[in-house]
Amino acid sequence: MKIDDFRLEKFFNKYEFNAPYLLCCSDCESMPLGELLSLEPDAKENFLKSQLGYSESFGDPELLFEISKTYDCIDERGILEFAGAQEAIFIFMNSVLEKGDHLITMFPAYQSTYEICRAIGCEVSNWELVQTSNGWTIDTDSLANLVKPNTKIIALCSPNNPTGYCLSMEQNKAIASLAQRHGLLVFSDEVYRGLSENEPPSFADIYESAF
């Protein structure tokens, strides 16, 4: 598999650690490890007892349980842990897609979402966000026009990276209805979930074939 360069990472590689002022990051200023461990009693002592060995392949059961509490309809048996979004996207797309399949992606989005698909040999159609005088928006009616006989996945990114646009509950229900009619999977990138006001539930709580 040959994947096109991840342009964002090439940019970071060139400037992230040598620019005098860094204005391109989407994350908050990180805290020192000591400050993090101070948030919970005995956390430092327990951390120092951690074993640097192999862990369970599906993830730590306690962490799986805590992650599942952020969903309404999923328990720890429906959770997989990954080292980061890149790993999750790569494994999901390679597990589900075959050469010749078609993916519809909300666009712009995290580049891995569609570049992995192209490297597999899939068709990719962009479902474009539009910038207006009132901010970003997207037309759910136009999504239906992108569906093809070989469409397998609708890929969402909400809250959107990089625009910050957040799909509403009404829009999510319309997407779920469309996906159900056509028997499609929905891959929902929710890395920035929790940062916007009045966010709808996770897409996995709305549509049973969402990941």
N, C-alpha and C. Protein backbone atom coordinates (compact mmCIF):
# COMPACT_ATOMS: atom_id res chain seq x y z
N MET A 1 0.84 -1.19 0.00
CA MET A 1 0.00 0.00 0.00
C MET A 1 0.88 1.25 0.00
N LYS A 2 0.63 2.14 -0.95
CA LYS A 2 1.36 3.41 -1.01
C LYS A 2 0.38 4.54 -0.69
N ILE A 3 0.65 5.28 0.37
CA ILE A 3 -0.23 6.35 0.83
C ILE A 3 0.41 7.69 0.54
N ASP A 4 -0.36 8.62 0.01
CA ASP A 4 0.16 9.96 -0.25
C ASP A 4 0.63 10.62 1.04
N ASP A 5 1.57 11.54 0.91
CA ASP A 5 2.09 12.25 2.08
C ASP A 5 0.96 12.91 2.86
N PHE A 6 1.06 12.82 4.19
CA PHE A 6 0.12 13.51 5.06
C PHE A 6 0.63 14.95 5.19
N ARG A 7 0.01 15.86 4.44
CA ARG A 7 0.54 17.21 4.32
C ARG A 7 0.60 17.95 5.65
N LEU A 8 -0.39 17.72 6.52
CA LEU A 8 -0.39 18.39 7.82
C LEU A 8 0.83 17.98 8.64
N GLU A 9 1.14 16.68 8.65
CA GLU A 9 2.27 16.21 9.43
C GLU A 9 3.60 16.69 8.85
N LYS A 10 3.68 16.80 7.54
CA LYS A 10 4.90 17.35 6.93
C LYS A 10 5.09 18.81 7.34
N PHE A 11 3.98 19.54 7.44
CA PHE A 11 4.03 20.93 7.88
C PHE A 11 4.52 20.99 9.33
N PHE A 12 3.94 20.14 10.20
CA PHE A 12 4.34 20.12 11.60
C PHE A 12 5.81 19.72 11.74
N ASN A 13 6.23 18.75 10.95
CA ASN A 13 7.61 18.29 11.01
C ASN A 13 8.60 19.42 10.72
N LYS A 14 8.17 20.31 9.84
CA LYS A 14 9.05 21.41 9.44
C LYS A 14 9.03 22.57 10.43
N TYR A 15 7.86 22.86 11.03
CA TYR A 15 7.74 24.09 11.81
C TYR A 15 7.39 23.93 13.29
N GLU A 16 6.81 22.76 13.69
CA GLU A 16 6.20 22.69 15.02
C GLU A 16 7.19 22.96 16.16
N PHE A 17 8.42 22.49 16.03
CA PHE A 17 9.35 22.60 17.15
C PHE A 17 10.47 23.62 16.93
N ASN A 18 10.35 24.42 15.89
CA ASN A 18 11.37 25.46 15.72
C ASN A 18 10.81 26.83 15.40
N ALA A 19 9.48 26.96 15.28
CA ALA A 19 8.87 28.28 15.06
C ALA A 19 8.81 29.03 16.39
N PRO A 20 9.04 30.34 16.39
CA PRO A 20 9.00 31.11 17.65
C PRO A 20 7.60 31.18 18.25
N TYR A 21 6.58 31.18 17.42
CA TYR A 21 5.20 31.21 17.90
C TYR A 21 4.40 30.15 17.15
N LEU A 22 3.72 29.28 17.90
CA LEU A 22 2.99 28.16 17.30
C LEU A 22 1.50 28.45 17.37
N LEU A 23 0.90 28.70 16.21
CA LEU A 23 -0.52 29.06 16.15
C LEU A 23 -1.35 28.02 15.40
N CYS A 24 -0.76 26.89 15.07
CA CYS A 24 -1.44 25.93 14.20
C CYS A 24 -2.02 24.73 14.94
N CYS A 25 -1.88 24.67 16.25
CA CYS A 25 -2.33 23.48 16.98
C CYS A 25 -3.80 23.58 17.35
N SER A 26 -4.45 22.43 17.43
CA SER A 26 -5.85 22.38 17.80
C SER A 26 -6.03 21.93 19.24
N ASP A 27 -4.94 21.58 19.92
CA ASP A 27 -5.05 21.11 21.30
C ASP A 27 -4.68 22.23 22.28
N CYS A 28 -5.07 22.01 23.53
CA CYS A 28 -4.74 22.97 24.59
C CYS A 28 -3.29 22.78 25.03
N GLU A 29 -2.77 23.76 25.77
CA GLU A 29 -1.43 23.61 26.35
C GLU A 29 -1.43 22.41 27.28
N SER A 30 -0.51 21.49 27.06
CA SER A 30 -0.47 20.28 27.88
C SER A 30 0.03 20.58 29.29
N MET A 31 -0.39 19.76 30.25
CA MET A 31 0.04 19.95 31.63
C MET A 31 1.17 18.98 31.96
N PRO A 32 2.02 19.33 32.92
CA PRO A 32 3.07 18.40 33.35
C PRO A 32 2.45 17.14 33.95
N LEU A 33 3.17 16.02 33.89
CA LEU A 33 2.66 14.76 34.39
C LEU A 33 2.34 14.83 35.88
N GLY A 34 3.17 15.55 36.63
CA GLY A 34 2.93 15.70 38.06
C GLY A 34 1.61 16.39 38.36
N GLU A 35 1.30 17.41 37.57
CA GLU A 35 0.03 18.12 37.75
C GLU A 35 -1.15 17.22 37.42
N LEU A 36 -1.01 16.41 36.38
CA LEU A 36 -2.07 15.47 36.03
C LEU A 36 -2.32 14.46 37.15
N LEU A 37 -1.23 13.90 37.70
CA LEU A 37 -1.36 12.88 38.74
C LEU A 37 -1.89 13.46 40.04
N SER A 38 -1.76 14.77 40.22
CA SER A 38 -2.24 15.40 41.45
C SER A 38 -3.77 15.52 41.48
N LEU A 39 -4.43 15.26 40.35
CA LEU A 39 -5.88 15.40 40.28
C LEU A 39 -6.62 14.26 40.99
N GLU A 40 -5.93 13.16 41.25
CA GLU A 40 -6.57 12.00 41.88
C GLU A 40 -5.72 11.52 43.05
N PRO A 41 -6.32 11.28 44.21
CA PRO A 41 -5.55 10.79 45.36
C PRO A 41 -4.83 9.48 45.04
N ASP A 42 -3.59 9.38 45.48
CA ASP A 42 -2.76 8.18 45.31
C ASP A 42 -2.40 7.87 43.86
N ALA A 43 -2.71 8.78 42.93
CA ALA A 43 -2.44 8.50 41.52
C ALA A 43 -0.94 8.36 41.26
N LYS A 44 -0.13 9.21 41.90
CA LYS A 44 1.31 9.14 41.67
C LYS A 44 1.87 7.80 42.13
N GLU A 45 1.47 7.36 43.32
CA GLU A 45 1.96 6.10 43.86
C GLU A 45 1.53 4.93 42.97
N ASN A 46 0.27 4.96 42.53
CA ASN A 46 -0.23 3.88 41.67
C ASN A 46 0.45 3.89 40.31
N PHE A 47 0.75 5.09 39.79
CA PHE A 47 1.44 5.20 38.51
C PHE A 47 2.83 4.58 38.59
N LEU A 48 3.52 4.81 39.70
CA LEU A 48 4.87 4.27 39.85
C LEU A 48 4.88 2.76 40.01
N LYS A 49 3.73 2.17 40.30
CA LYS A 49 3.62 0.71 40.41
C LYS A 49 3.27 0.06 39.07
N SER A 50 3.04 0.87 38.04
CA SER A 50 2.63 0.34 36.74
C SER A 50 3.72 -0.55 36.14
N GLN A 51 3.30 -1.67 35.56
CA GLN A 51 4.22 -2.58 34.91
C GLN A 51 4.38 -2.22 33.44
N LEU A 52 5.60 -2.20 32.96
CA LEU A 52 5.87 -1.89 31.55
C LEU A 52 5.93 -3.19 30.75
N GLY A 53 4.83 -3.92 30.76
CA GLY A 53 4.77 -5.18 30.03
C GLY A 53 3.62 -5.17 29.05
N TYR A 54 3.33 -6.33 28.49
CA TYR A 54 2.22 -6.43 27.56
C TYR A 54 0.89 -6.23 28.30
N SER A 55 -0.05 -5.64 27.60
CA SER A 55 -1.38 -5.45 28.16
C SER A 55 -2.37 -6.30 27.35
N GLU A 56 -3.63 -6.32 27.78
CA GLU A 56 -4.64 -7.09 27.06
C GLU A 56 -4.84 -6.50 25.67
N SER A 57 -4.98 -7.37 24.66
CA SER A 57 -5.00 -6.91 23.27
C SER A 57 -6.18 -5.99 22.97
N PHE A 58 -7.30 -6.17 23.64
CA PHE A 58 -8.46 -5.31 23.39
C PHE A 58 -8.44 -4.04 24.22
N GLY A 59 -7.47 -3.94 25.13
CA GLY A 59 -7.37 -2.76 25.97
C GLY A 59 -7.62 -3.10 27.43
N ASP A 60 -7.24 -2.20 28.30
CA ASP A 60 -7.41 -2.40 29.74
C ASP A 60 -8.90 -2.39 30.09
N PRO A 61 -9.40 -3.43 30.77
CA PRO A 61 -10.84 -3.52 31.07
C PRO A 61 -11.39 -2.31 31.82
N GLU A 62 -10.61 -1.80 32.75
CA GLU A 62 -11.09 -0.64 33.52
C GLU A 62 -11.25 0.59 32.61
N LEU A 63 -10.27 0.79 31.73
CA LEU A 63 -10.36 1.92 30.81
C LEU A 63 -11.51 1.73 29.82
N LEU A 64 -11.69 0.50 29.33
CA LEU A 64 -12.80 0.22 28.42
C LEU A 64 -14.14 0.56 29.07
N PHE A 65 -14.26 0.20 30.34
CA PHE A 65 -15.49 0.50 31.06
C PHE A 65 -15.71 2.01 31.19
N GLU A 66 -14.66 2.74 31.52
CA GLU A 66 -14.79 4.19 31.68
C GLU A 66 -15.13 4.86 30.34
N ILE A 67 -14.54 4.38 29.24
CA ILE A 67 -14.86 4.93 27.92
C ILE A 67 -16.31 4.66 27.58
N SER A 68 -16.79 3.46 27.90
CA SER A 68 -18.17 3.11 27.55
C SER A 68 -19.18 4.01 28.25
N LYS A 69 -18.82 4.61 29.38
CA LYS A 69 -19.72 5.48 30.12
C LYS A 69 -20.00 6.79 29.39
N THR A 70 -19.21 7.07 28.35
CA THR A 70 -19.46 8.29 27.56
C THR A 70 -20.51 8.05 26.47
N TYR A 71 -21.01 6.81 26.36
CA TYR A 71 -22.04 6.46 25.38
C TYR A 71 -23.31 6.03 26.11
N ASP A 72 -24.43 6.12 25.43
CA ASP A 72 -25.71 5.71 26.00
C ASP A 72 -26.05 4.26 25.67
N CYS A 73 -25.62 3.78 24.49
CA CYS A 73 -26.08 2.48 24.00
C CYS A 73 -24.96 1.47 23.84
N ILE A 74 -23.77 1.76 24.33
CA ILE A 74 -22.62 0.87 24.12
C ILE A 74 -21.99 0.55 25.47
N ASP A 75 -21.73 -0.74 25.71
CA ASP A 75 -21.00 -1.10 26.91
C ASP A 75 -19.55 -1.41 26.54
N GLU A 76 -18.77 -1.86 27.51
CA GLU A 76 -17.34 -2.04 27.27
C GLU A 76 -17.04 -3.09 26.21
N ARG A 77 -17.99 -3.98 25.92
CA ARG A 77 -17.77 -5.00 24.88
C ARG A 77 -17.78 -4.38 23.48
N GLY A 78 -18.30 -3.18 23.35
CA GLY A 78 -18.33 -2.51 22.06
C GLY A 78 -17.23 -1.49 21.88
N ILE A 79 -16.24 -1.50 22.76
CA ILE A 79 -15.15 -0.51 22.73
C ILE A 79 -13.83 -1.19 22.38
N LEU A 80 -13.06 -0.58 21.49
CA LEU A 80 -11.68 -0.97 21.22
C LEU A 80 -10.78 0.23 21.52
N GLU A 81 -9.65 -0.03 22.13
CA GLU A 81 -8.70 1.05 22.42
C GLU A 81 -7.62 1.09 21.33
N PHE A 82 -7.22 2.32 20.97
CA PHE A 82 -6.13 2.51 20.01
C PHE A 82 -5.17 3.56 20.55
N ALA A 83 -3.97 3.56 19.98
CA ALA A 83 -2.97 4.53 20.40
C ALA A 83 -3.29 5.94 19.93
N GLY A 84 -4.17 6.07 18.95
CA GLY A 84 -4.53 7.38 18.42
C GLY A 84 -5.44 7.22 17.23
N ALA A 85 -5.91 8.35 16.69
CA ALA A 85 -6.87 8.33 15.58
C ALA A 85 -6.29 7.69 14.33
N GLN A 86 -5.01 7.93 14.06
CA GLN A 86 -4.40 7.37 12.85
C GLN A 86 -4.51 5.85 12.82
N GLU A 87 -4.21 5.22 13.95
CA GLU A 87 -4.25 3.77 14.03
C GLU A 87 -5.67 3.26 13.85
N ALA A 88 -6.63 3.91 14.49
CA ALA A 88 -8.03 3.49 14.40
C ALA A 88 -8.55 3.59 12.97
N ILE A 89 -8.25 4.70 12.31
CA ILE A 89 -8.70 4.90 10.93
C ILE A 89 -8.08 3.85 10.01
N PHE A 90 -6.79 3.63 10.15
CA PHE A 90 -6.09 2.67 9.29
C PHE A 90 -6.68 1.26 9.43
N ILE A 91 -6.87 0.83 10.67
CA ILE A 91 -7.38 -0.53 10.90
C ILE A 91 -8.82 -0.67 10.43
N PHE A 92 -9.65 0.33 10.73
CA PHE A 92 -11.05 0.24 10.31
C PHE A 92 -11.18 0.18 8.80
N MET A 93 -10.54 1.10 8.10
CA MET A 93 -10.67 1.17 6.65
C MET A 93 -10.14 -0.10 5.99
N ASN A 94 -9.03 -0.63 6.50
CA ASN A 94 -8.46 -1.85 5.91
C ASN A 94 -9.28 -3.09 6.24
N SER A 95 -10.03 -3.04 7.33
CA SER A 95 -10.88 -4.18 7.70
C SER A 95 -12.17 -4.21 6.91
N VAL A 96 -12.68 -3.04 6.55
CA VAL A 96 -14.02 -2.94 5.97
C VAL A 96 -14.01 -2.79 4.45
N LEU A 97 -13.05 -2.04 3.93
CA LEU A 97 -13.08 -1.68 2.51
C LEU A 97 -12.31 -2.67 1.63
N GLU A 98 -12.77 -2.78 0.41
CA GLU A 98 -12.08 -3.54 -0.64
C GLU A 98 -11.87 -2.62 -1.84
N LYS A 99 -10.89 -2.97 -2.66
CA LYS A 99 -10.65 -2.20 -3.88
C LYS A 99 -11.94 -2.11 -4.69
N GLY A 100 -12.28 -0.89 -5.14
CA GLY A 100 -13.48 -0.68 -5.92
C GLY A 100 -14.66 -0.18 -5.11
N ASP A 101 -14.57 -0.24 -3.77
CA ASP A 101 -15.63 0.32 -2.94
C ASP A 101 -15.61 1.85 -3.02
N HIS A 102 -16.69 2.44 -2.57
CA HIS A 102 -16.85 3.89 -2.64
C HIS A 102 -17.08 4.45 -1.23
N LEU A 103 -16.38 5.51 -0.91
CA LEU A 103 -16.53 6.20 0.36
C LEU A 103 -16.96 7.63 0.13
N ILE A 104 -17.92 8.10 0.91
CA ILE A 104 -18.31 9.51 0.91
C ILE A 104 -17.76 10.13 2.18
N THR A 105 -16.98 11.19 2.06
CA THR A 105 -16.40 11.81 3.23
C THR A 105 -16.82 13.27 3.36
N MET A 106 -17.23 13.63 4.56
CA MET A 106 -17.42 15.04 4.89
C MET A 106 -16.08 15.73 4.62
N PHE A 107 -16.11 16.90 3.99
CA PHE A 107 -14.86 17.52 3.57
C PHE A 107 -14.92 19.04 3.79
N PRO A 108 -13.88 19.63 4.39
CA PRO A 108 -12.60 19.02 4.76
C PRO A 108 -12.73 18.09 5.96
N ALA A 109 -11.69 17.24 6.10
CA ALA A 109 -11.65 16.27 7.20
C ALA A 109 -10.20 15.87 7.42
N TYR A 110 -9.99 15.03 8.40
CA TYR A 110 -8.66 14.52 8.70
C TYR A 110 -8.18 13.72 7.49
N GLN A 111 -7.01 14.04 6.98
CA GLN A 111 -6.57 13.51 5.69
C GLN A 111 -6.50 11.99 5.65
N SER A 112 -6.18 11.37 6.78
CA SER A 112 -6.08 9.90 6.79
C SER A 112 -7.38 9.24 6.37
N THR A 113 -8.51 9.86 6.70
CA THR A 113 -9.81 9.25 6.43
C THR A 113 -9.96 8.89 4.96
N TYR A 114 -9.55 9.78 4.07
CA TYR A 114 -9.74 9.51 2.64
C TYR A 114 -8.48 9.00 1.95
N GLU A 115 -7.29 9.34 2.47
CA GLU A 115 -6.07 8.87 1.81
C GLU A 115 -5.89 7.37 1.98
N ILE A 116 -6.26 6.82 3.12
CA ILE A 116 -6.18 5.37 3.31
C ILE A 116 -7.09 4.68 2.30
N CYS A 117 -8.29 5.24 2.11
CA CYS A 117 -9.24 4.65 1.16
C CYS A 117 -8.68 4.67 -0.26
N ARG A 118 -8.10 5.78 -0.66
CA ARG A 118 -7.52 5.88 -2.01
C ARG A 118 -6.39 4.87 -2.17
N ALA A 119 -5.58 4.70 -1.11
CA ALA A 119 -4.46 3.75 -1.19
C ALA A 119 -4.96 2.32 -1.33
N ILE A 120 -6.13 2.01 -0.78
CA ILE A 120 -6.73 0.69 -0.91
C ILE A 120 -7.23 0.47 -2.34
N GLY A 121 -7.54 1.57 -3.04
CA GLY A 121 -8.07 1.49 -4.40
C GLY A 121 -9.55 1.80 -4.46
N CYS A 122 -10.02 2.58 -3.50
CA CYS A 122 -11.44 2.94 -3.43
C CYS A 122 -11.70 4.29 -4.10
N GLU A 123 -12.96 4.47 -4.51
CA GLU A 123 -13.42 5.78 -4.96
C GLU A 123 -13.74 6.64 -3.74
N VAL A 124 -13.50 7.94 -3.86
CA VAL A 124 -13.80 8.86 -2.76
C VAL A 124 -14.57 10.05 -3.31
N SER A 125 -15.71 10.37 -2.70
CA SER A 125 -16.48 11.57 -3.05
C SER A 125 -16.52 12.49 -1.84
N ASN A 126 -16.31 13.78 -2.08
CA ASN A 126 -16.34 14.77 -1.00
C ASN A 126 -17.74 15.33 -0.81
N TRP A 127 -18.21 15.28 0.42
CA TRP A 127 -19.45 15.96 0.81
C TRP A 127 -19.01 17.27 1.46
N GLU A 128 -19.11 18.35 0.70
CA GLU A 128 -18.40 19.59 1.03
C GLU A 128 -19.15 20.48 2.02
N LEU A 129 -18.40 20.94 3.02
CA LEU A 129 -18.86 22.04 3.86
C LEU A 129 -18.75 23.33 3.07
N VAL A 130 -19.65 24.25 3.32
CA VAL A 130 -19.67 25.52 2.59
C VAL A 130 -19.57 26.66 3.60
N GLN A 131 -18.68 27.61 3.31
CA GLN A 131 -18.54 28.77 4.19
C GLN A 131 -19.45 29.89 3.72
N THR A 132 -20.30 30.38 4.61
CA THR A 132 -21.23 31.47 4.29
C THR A 132 -20.95 32.64 5.21
N SER A 133 -21.70 33.73 5.05
CA SER A 133 -21.53 34.90 5.90
C SER A 133 -21.92 34.60 7.34
N ASN A 134 -22.69 33.54 7.54
CA ASN A 134 -23.11 33.14 8.89
C ASN A 134 -22.28 31.98 9.44
N GLY A 135 -21.19 31.66 8.77
CA GLY A 135 -20.34 30.57 9.22
C GLY A 135 -20.44 29.36 8.30
N TRP A 136 -19.90 28.25 8.74
CA TRP A 136 -19.89 27.03 7.94
C TRP A 136 -21.24 26.33 7.99
N THR A 137 -21.58 25.64 6.93
CA THR A 137 -22.80 24.85 6.88
C THR A 137 -22.61 23.69 5.92
N ILE A 138 -23.55 22.74 5.96
CA ILE A 138 -23.50 21.61 5.04
C ILE A 138 -24.93 21.19 4.73
N ASP A 139 -25.16 20.74 3.51
CA ASP A 139 -26.50 20.41 3.03
C ASP A 139 -26.71 18.91 3.08
N THR A 140 -27.54 18.45 4.00
CA THR A 140 -27.77 17.00 4.11
C THR A 140 -28.52 16.44 2.90
N ASP A 141 -29.32 17.28 2.23
CA ASP A 141 -30.04 16.80 1.04
C ASP A 141 -29.07 16.41 -0.08
N SER A 142 -27.95 17.14 -0.17
CA SER A 142 -26.99 16.85 -1.24
C SER A 142 -26.24 15.54 -1.02
N LEU A 143 -26.25 15.04 0.21
CA LEU A 143 -25.54 13.80 0.51
C LEU A 143 -26.12 12.63 -0.28
N ALA A 144 -27.43 12.61 -0.43
CA ALA A 144 -28.08 11.51 -1.16
C ALA A 144 -27.61 11.42 -2.60
N ASN A 145 -27.26 12.57 -3.20
CA ASN A 145 -26.82 12.59 -4.59
C ASN A 145 -25.44 11.95 -4.78
N LEU A 146 -24.70 11.75 -3.68
CA LEU A 146 -23.36 11.18 -3.77
C LEU A 146 -23.35 9.67 -3.63
N VAL A 147 -24.47 9.09 -3.22
CA VAL A 147 -24.53 7.64 -3.02
C VAL A 147 -24.51 6.91 -4.36
N LYS A 148 -23.67 5.88 -4.45
CA LYS A 148 -23.55 5.06 -5.65
C LYS A 148 -23.84 3.60 -5.30
N PRO A 149 -24.01 2.75 -6.31
CA PRO A 149 -24.23 1.32 -6.02
C PRO A 149 -23.11 0.69 -5.21
N ASN A 150 -21.88 1.19 -5.36
CA ASN A 150 -20.73 0.60 -4.65
C ASN A 150 -20.36 1.37 -3.38
N THR A 151 -21.20 2.31 -2.96
CA THR A 151 -20.91 3.06 -1.73
C THR A 151 -20.99 2.12 -0.54
N LYS A 152 -19.99 2.21 0.35
CA LYS A 152 -19.98 1.36 1.55
C LYS A 152 -19.98 2.17 2.83
N ILE A 153 -19.34 3.35 2.82
CA ILE A 153 -19.16 4.11 4.06
C ILE A 153 -19.47 5.59 3.83
N ILE A 154 -20.12 6.19 4.81
CA ILE A 154 -20.18 7.65 4.93
C ILE A 154 -19.27 8.02 6.09
N ALA A 155 -18.27 8.84 5.84
CA ALA A 155 -17.33 9.25 6.88
C ALA A 155 -17.63 10.67 7.33
N LEU A 156 -17.86 10.83 8.62
CA LEU A 156 -18.17 12.13 9.20
C LEU A 156 -17.01 12.60 10.07
N CYS A 157 -16.96 13.90 10.28
CA CYS A 157 -15.98 14.50 11.20
C CYS A 157 -16.68 15.65 11.90
N SER A 158 -17.22 15.38 13.09
CA SER A 158 -18.03 16.37 13.80
C SER A 158 -17.84 16.21 15.30
N PRO A 159 -17.41 17.29 15.98
CA PRO A 159 -17.05 18.61 15.48
C PRO A 159 -15.94 18.50 14.44
N ASN A 160 -16.11 19.30 13.40
CA ASN A 160 -15.27 19.14 12.22
C ASN A 160 -13.86 19.66 12.43
N ASN A 161 -12.92 18.89 11.92
CA ASN A 161 -11.52 19.30 11.85
C ASN A 161 -11.21 19.58 10.38
N PRO A 162 -11.02 20.83 9.95
CA PRO A 162 -10.54 21.94 10.77
C PRO A 162 -11.53 23.07 11.04
N THR A 163 -12.77 22.99 10.58
CA THR A 163 -13.65 24.17 10.63
C THR A 163 -14.33 24.37 11.98
N GLY A 164 -14.48 23.30 12.76
CA GLY A 164 -15.20 23.39 14.02
C GLY A 164 -16.70 23.20 13.89
N TYR A 165 -17.19 23.04 12.65
CA TYR A 165 -18.64 22.88 12.44
C TYR A 165 -19.13 21.60 13.09
N CYS A 166 -20.29 21.69 13.75
CA CYS A 166 -20.85 20.54 14.44
C CYS A 166 -22.22 20.20 13.86
N LEU A 167 -22.38 18.96 13.43
CA LEU A 167 -23.67 18.51 12.92
C LEU A 167 -24.72 18.53 14.03
N SER A 168 -25.94 18.87 13.68
CA SER A 168 -27.04 18.91 14.65
C SER A 168 -27.67 17.52 14.77
N MET A 169 -28.51 17.35 15.78
CA MET A 169 -29.22 16.09 15.95
C MET A 169 -30.11 15.81 14.74
N GLU A 170 -30.75 16.85 14.23
CA GLU A 170 -31.62 16.69 13.06
C GLU A 170 -30.82 16.21 11.86
N GLN A 171 -29.63 16.79 11.65
CA GLN A 171 -28.78 16.38 10.54
C GLN A 171 -28.30 14.94 10.72
N ASN A 172 -27.91 14.59 11.95
CA ASN A 172 -27.46 13.23 12.21
C ASN A 172 -28.56 12.20 11.94
N LYS A 173 -29.79 12.54 12.32
CA LYS A 173 -30.90 11.62 12.07
C LYS A 173 -31.14 11.46 10.57
N ALA A 174 -30.99 12.55 9.82
CA ALA A 174 -31.16 12.47 8.36
C ALA A 174 -30.08 11.60 7.74
N ILE A 175 -28.85 11.73 8.23
CA ILE A 175 -27.74 10.92 7.72
C ILE A 175 -27.97 9.45 8.07
N ALA A 176 -28.39 9.19 9.30
CA ALA A 176 -28.64 7.81 9.73
C ALA A 176 -29.76 7.18 8.91
N SER A 177 -30.79 7.94 8.61
CA SER A 177 -31.91 7.43 7.81
C SER A 177 -31.44 7.07 6.40
N LEU A 178 -30.63 7.95 5.81
CA LEU A 178 -30.09 7.69 4.48
C LEU A 178 -29.20 6.45 4.50
N ALA A 179 -28.33 6.35 5.49
CA ALA A 179 -27.42 5.21 5.59
C ALA A 179 -28.20 3.91 5.75
N GLN A 180 -29.24 3.94 6.55
CA GLN A 180 -30.05 2.74 6.77
C GLN A 180 -30.75 2.29 5.48
N ARG A 181 -31.27 3.26 4.74
CA ARG A 181 -31.97 2.91 3.48
C ARG A 181 -31.04 2.23 2.49
N HIS A 182 -29.78 2.62 2.49
CA HIS A 182 -28.83 2.08 1.51
C HIS A 182 -27.91 1.01 2.11
N GLY A 183 -28.11 0.68 3.37
CA GLY A 183 -27.28 -0.34 4.00
C GLY A 183 -25.83 0.08 4.15
N LEU A 184 -25.59 1.35 4.51
CA LEU A 184 -24.23 1.88 4.59
C LEU A 184 -23.72 1.93 6.03
N LEU A 185 -22.42 1.82 6.17
CA LEU A 185 -21.78 2.05 7.45
C LEU A 185 -21.50 3.55 7.60
N VAL A 186 -21.44 4.01 8.84
CA VAL A 186 -21.05 5.39 9.12
C VAL A 186 -19.82 5.38 10.00
N PHE A 187 -18.75 6.00 9.53
CA PHE A 187 -17.53 6.15 10.32
C PHE A 187 -17.51 7.58 10.84
N SER A 188 -17.62 7.74 12.15
CA SER A 188 -17.75 9.08 12.72
C SER A 188 -16.52 9.45 13.54
N ASP A 189 -15.74 10.38 13.02
CA ASP A 189 -14.57 10.91 13.72
C ASP A 189 -15.06 11.96 14.71
N GLU A 190 -14.96 11.64 16.00
CA GLU A 190 -15.46 12.54 17.05
C GLU A 190 -14.35 12.90 18.03
N VAL A 191 -13.14 13.08 17.49
CA VAL A 191 -11.99 13.39 18.33
C VAL A 191 -12.23 14.64 19.17
N TYR A 192 -12.95 15.62 18.62
CA TYR A 192 -13.17 16.87 19.35
C TYR A 192 -14.55 16.92 20.01
N ARG A 193 -15.16 15.75 20.16
CA ARG A 193 -16.44 15.68 20.85
C ARG A 193 -16.31 16.22 22.28
N GLY A 194 -17.27 17.05 22.68
CA GLY A 194 -17.24 17.63 24.02
C GLY A 194 -16.74 19.06 24.06
N LEU A 195 -16.24 19.55 22.93
CA LEU A 195 -15.69 20.92 22.90
C LEU A 195 -16.70 21.95 22.41
N SER A 196 -17.84 21.49 21.87
CA SER A 196 -18.86 22.42 21.38
C SER A 196 -20.09 22.35 22.27
N GLU A 197 -20.80 23.47 22.34
CA GLU A 197 -22.03 23.51 23.13
C GLU A 197 -23.17 22.81 22.38
N ASN A 198 -24.06 22.21 23.14
CA ASN A 198 -25.28 21.60 22.59
C ASN A 198 -24.99 20.55 21.52
N GLU A 199 -23.93 19.77 21.72
CA GLU A 199 -23.63 18.69 20.79
C GLU A 199 -24.65 17.57 20.91
N PRO A 200 -25.02 16.94 19.81
CA PRO A 200 -25.88 15.75 19.88
C PRO A 200 -25.10 14.58 20.45
N PRO A 201 -25.76 13.47 20.75
CA PRO A 201 -25.03 12.28 21.23
C PRO A 201 -24.07 11.77 20.15
N SER A 202 -23.20 10.88 20.56
CA SER A 202 -22.32 10.22 19.59
C SER A 202 -23.15 9.53 18.52
N PHE A 203 -22.62 9.49 17.29
CA PHE A 203 -23.37 8.87 16.19
C PHE A 203 -23.62 7.39 16.47
N ALA A 204 -22.73 6.77 17.23
CA ALA A 204 -22.92 5.35 17.57
C ALA A 204 -24.14 5.13 18.45
N ASP A 205 -24.61 6.17 19.11
CA ASP A 205 -25.83 6.08 19.91
C ASP A 205 -27.08 6.36 19.09
N ILE A 206 -26.90 6.79 17.85
CA ILE A 206 -28.01 7.12 16.97
C ILE A 206 -28.26 6.03 15.93
N TYR A 207 -27.17 5.42 15.47
CA TYR A 207 -27.24 4.47 14.35
C TYR A 207 -26.42 3.23 14.69
N GLU A 208 -27.01 2.07 14.61
CA GLU A 208 -26.36 0.85 15.07
C GLU A 208 -25.18 0.42 14.20
N SER A 209 -25.11 0.89 12.97
CA SER A 209 -23.98 0.55 12.09
C SER A 209 -23.01 1.71 11.98
N ALA A 210 -22.79 2.38 13.10
CA ALA A 210 -21.85 3.49 13.15
C ALA A 210 -20.65 3.10 14.01
N PHE A 211 -19.50 3.64 13.64
CA PHE A 211 -18.26 3.31 14.32
C PHE A 211 -17.48 4.57 14.64
